[in-house]
Amino acid sequence: MEGIDQKMNIDLLAYLKDPMTREVLYAEVLIQGILAGRRVDMEEVEALFRNKKMAETVRRYAEKAGSPA
């Protein structure tokens, strides 16, 4: 945890406590996975994300990568 806090220059626990910033972090993880060649189930993303803007951002990355929507 300390390594993440220092490398990313954030207080990870504080970010994970707030639902909005937690979803931003989740979206970042999904986007990094997409960029690394992984596929994402967009139905699941849209069902679980409250922040529809973040879900749409993940969708755009998935579409650019050729992942089925």
N, C-alpha and C. Protein backbone atom coordinates (compact mmCIF):
# COMPACT_ATOMS: atom_id res chain seq x y z
N MET A 1 0.82 -1.18 0.00
CA MET A 1 0.00 0.00 0.00
C MET A 1 0.87 1.25 0.00
N GLU A 2 1.90 1.24 0.82
CA GLU A 2 2.79 2.39 0.92
C GLU A 2 3.47 2.67 -0.41
N GLY A 3 3.85 1.61 -1.12
CA GLY A 3 4.49 1.77 -2.42
C GLY A 3 3.57 2.43 -3.43
N ILE A 4 2.30 2.04 -3.41
CA ILE A 4 1.32 2.65 -4.31
C ILE A 4 1.17 4.12 -3.96
N ASP A 5 1.03 4.42 -2.69
CA ASP A 5 0.88 5.80 -2.26
C ASP A 5 2.05 6.66 -2.72
N GLN A 6 3.26 6.12 -2.61
CA GLN A 6 4.45 6.89 -2.97
C GLN A 6 4.62 7.00 -4.48
N LYS A 7 4.43 5.90 -5.20
CA LYS A 7 4.62 5.92 -6.65
C LYS A 7 3.55 6.75 -7.36
N MET A 8 2.32 6.62 -6.91
CA MET A 8 1.23 7.34 -7.57
C MET A 8 0.99 8.71 -6.94
N ASN A 9 1.66 8.98 -5.84
CA ASN A 9 1.53 10.24 -5.13
C ASN A 9 0.09 10.52 -4.72
N ILE A 10 -0.59 9.49 -4.21
CA ILE A 10 -1.96 9.62 -3.71
C ILE A 10 -2.09 8.85 -2.40
N ASP A 11 -3.12 9.14 -1.67
CA ASP A 11 -3.47 8.36 -0.49
C ASP A 11 -4.53 7.36 -0.95
N LEU A 12 -4.10 6.17 -1.31
CA LEU A 12 -4.97 5.17 -1.92
C LEU A 12 -6.18 4.85 -1.04
N LEU A 13 -5.99 4.69 0.24
CA LEU A 13 -7.11 4.36 1.12
C LEU A 13 -8.18 5.44 1.10
N ALA A 14 -7.76 6.69 1.07
CA ALA A 14 -8.73 7.79 1.01
C ALA A 14 -9.49 7.75 -0.32
N TYR A 15 -8.79 7.45 -1.40
CA TYR A 15 -9.45 7.36 -2.72
C TYR A 15 -10.44 6.21 -2.76
N LEU A 16 -10.09 5.09 -2.15
CA LEU A 16 -10.97 3.92 -2.18
C LEU A 16 -12.21 4.10 -1.30
N LYS A 17 -12.15 4.97 -0.32
CA LYS A 17 -13.30 5.21 0.56
C LYS A 17 -14.39 6.01 -0.15
N ASP A 18 -14.01 6.88 -1.08
CA ASP A 18 -14.98 7.71 -1.79
C ASP A 18 -15.47 6.98 -3.04
N PRO A 19 -16.78 6.74 -3.16
CA PRO A 19 -17.30 5.97 -4.30
C PRO A 19 -16.96 6.55 -5.67
N MET A 20 -16.97 7.87 -5.79
CA MET A 20 -16.69 8.48 -7.09
C MET A 20 -15.22 8.29 -7.50
N THR A 21 -14.31 8.56 -6.58
CA THR A 21 -12.90 8.39 -6.94
C THR A 21 -12.53 6.92 -7.06
N ARG A 22 -13.22 6.06 -6.32
CA ARG A 22 -12.98 4.62 -6.44
C ARG A 22 -13.32 4.16 -7.86
N GLU A 23 -14.44 4.65 -8.41
CA GLU A 23 -14.81 4.26 -9.77
C GLU A 23 -13.82 4.79 -10.80
N VAL A 24 -13.26 5.96 -10.55
CA VAL A 24 -12.24 6.49 -11.45
C VAL A 24 -11.02 5.57 -11.45
N LEU A 25 -10.62 5.11 -10.27
CA LEU A 25 -9.50 4.17 -10.19
C LEU A 25 -9.83 2.85 -10.87
N TYR A 26 -11.05 2.36 -10.69
CA TYR A 26 -11.46 1.12 -11.36
C TYR A 26 -11.41 1.30 -12.88
N ALA A 27 -11.90 2.44 -13.35
CA ALA A 27 -11.87 2.71 -14.79
C ALA A 27 -10.44 2.73 -15.29
N GLU A 28 -9.55 3.33 -14.54
CA GLU A 28 -8.13 3.37 -14.93
C GLU A 28 -7.54 1.97 -15.04
N VAL A 29 -7.88 1.12 -14.09
CA VAL A 29 -7.39 -0.27 -14.13
C VAL A 29 -7.93 -0.98 -15.37
N LEU A 30 -9.21 -0.80 -15.65
CA LEU A 30 -9.80 -1.43 -16.84
C LEU A 30 -9.15 -0.91 -18.12
N ILE A 31 -8.94 0.39 -18.19
CA ILE A 31 -8.33 0.99 -19.39
C ILE A 31 -6.90 0.47 -19.57
N GLN A 32 -6.14 0.37 -18.50
CA GLN A 32 -4.79 -0.18 -18.60
C GLN A 32 -4.82 -1.63 -19.09
N GLY A 33 -5.81 -2.39 -18.62
CA GLY A 33 -5.96 -3.76 -19.10
C GLY A 33 -6.31 -3.81 -20.57
N ILE A 34 -7.20 -2.94 -20.99
CA ILE A 34 -7.58 -2.87 -22.41
C ILE A 34 -6.36 -2.54 -23.26
N LEU A 35 -5.58 -1.56 -22.82
CA LEU A 35 -4.38 -1.17 -23.56
C LEU A 35 -3.35 -2.30 -23.61
N ALA A 36 -3.41 -3.21 -22.65
CA ALA A 36 -2.50 -4.35 -22.61
C ALA A 36 -3.05 -5.55 -23.38
N GLY A 37 -4.23 -5.37 -24.02
CA GLY A 37 -4.78 -6.43 -24.85
C GLY A 37 -5.87 -7.27 -24.22
N ARG A 38 -6.30 -6.92 -23.04
CA ARG A 38 -7.37 -7.68 -22.38
C ARG A 38 -8.73 -7.22 -22.87
N ARG A 39 -9.71 -8.07 -22.69
CA ARG A 39 -11.09 -7.75 -23.09
C ARG A 39 -11.92 -7.43 -21.86
N VAL A 40 -12.95 -6.62 -22.07
CA VAL A 40 -13.81 -6.16 -20.99
C VAL A 40 -15.25 -6.48 -21.34
N ASP A 41 -16.00 -6.99 -20.37
CA ASP A 41 -17.42 -7.23 -20.56
C ASP A 41 -18.15 -5.91 -20.27
N MET A 42 -18.53 -5.20 -21.33
CA MET A 42 -19.13 -3.88 -21.16
C MET A 42 -20.50 -3.94 -20.48
N GLU A 43 -21.22 -5.02 -20.65
CA GLU A 43 -22.50 -5.15 -19.94
C GLU A 43 -22.27 -5.14 -18.44
N GLU A 44 -21.24 -5.82 -18.01
CA GLU A 44 -20.92 -5.86 -16.59
C GLU A 44 -20.43 -4.49 -16.10
N VAL A 45 -19.59 -3.84 -16.89
CA VAL A 45 -19.10 -2.51 -16.53
C VAL A 45 -20.27 -1.55 -16.37
N GLU A 46 -21.17 -1.53 -17.34
CA GLU A 46 -22.31 -0.61 -17.28
C GLU A 46 -23.25 -0.95 -16.13
N ALA A 47 -23.38 -2.21 -15.79
CA ALA A 47 -24.25 -2.61 -14.68
C ALA A 47 -23.66 -2.22 -13.33
N LEU A 48 -22.33 -2.24 -13.21
CA LEU A 48 -21.69 -2.02 -11.91
C LEU A 48 -21.26 -0.57 -11.67
N PHE A 49 -21.02 0.18 -12.72
CA PHE A 49 -20.57 1.57 -12.56
C PHE A 49 -21.78 2.48 -12.35
N ARG A 50 -21.73 3.28 -11.33
CA ARG A 50 -22.75 4.31 -11.13
C ARG A 50 -22.46 5.53 -12.00
N ASN A 51 -21.17 5.82 -12.14
CA ASN A 51 -20.74 6.97 -12.92
C ASN A 51 -20.74 6.57 -14.40
N LYS A 52 -21.79 6.95 -15.10
CA LYS A 52 -21.95 6.54 -16.50
C LYS A 52 -20.88 7.15 -17.40
N LYS A 53 -20.33 8.30 -17.00
CA LYS A 53 -19.25 8.91 -17.78
C LYS A 53 -18.02 8.00 -17.76
N MET A 54 -17.73 7.41 -16.63
CA MET A 54 -16.58 6.50 -16.53
C MET A 54 -16.84 5.24 -17.36
N ALA A 55 -18.06 4.71 -17.31
CA ALA A 55 -18.40 3.53 -18.10
C ALA A 55 -18.25 3.84 -19.59
N GLU A 56 -18.66 5.02 -20.01
CA GLU A 56 -18.55 5.41 -21.41
C GLU A 56 -17.08 5.57 -21.82
N THR A 57 -16.26 6.08 -20.93
CA THR A 57 -14.83 6.21 -21.21
C THR A 57 -14.21 4.83 -21.41
N VAL A 58 -14.56 3.88 -20.56
CA VAL A 58 -14.06 2.51 -20.72
C VAL A 58 -14.54 1.94 -22.05
N ARG A 59 -15.81 2.21 -22.40
CA ARG A 59 -16.36 1.72 -23.68
C ARG A 59 -15.56 2.28 -24.87
N ARG A 60 -15.24 3.55 -24.84
CA ARG A 60 -14.49 4.15 -25.95
C ARG A 60 -13.13 3.48 -26.12
N TYR A 61 -12.45 3.23 -25.02
CA TYR A 61 -11.15 2.55 -25.10
C TYR A 61 -11.32 1.13 -25.65
N ALA A 62 -12.35 0.44 -25.18
CA ALA A 62 -12.60 -0.94 -25.65
C ALA A 62 -12.88 -0.94 -27.15
N GLU A 63 -13.66 0.02 -27.62
CA GLU A 63 -13.98 0.08 -29.05
C GLU A 63 -12.74 0.40 -29.87
N LYS A 64 -11.91 1.33 -29.39
CA LYS A 64 -10.67 1.66 -30.10
C LYS A 64 -9.74 0.46 -30.19
N ALA A 65 -9.76 -0.37 -29.16
CA ALA A 65 -8.89 -1.54 -29.12
C ALA A 65 -9.47 -2.72 -29.91
N GLY A 66 -10.69 -2.53 -30.42
CA GLY A 66 -11.31 -3.61 -31.19
C GLY A 66 -11.97 -4.66 -30.34
N SER A 67 -12.16 -4.35 -29.05
CA SER A 67 -12.84 -5.27 -28.14
C SER A 67 -14.35 -5.16 -28.39
N PRO A 68 -15.05 -6.28 -28.43
CA PRO A 68 -16.50 -6.21 -28.62
C PRO A 68 -17.17 -5.43 -27.50
N ALA A 69 -18.13 -4.62 -27.85
CA ALA A 69 -18.81 -3.77 -26.85
C ALA A 69 -19.88 -4.51 -26.12
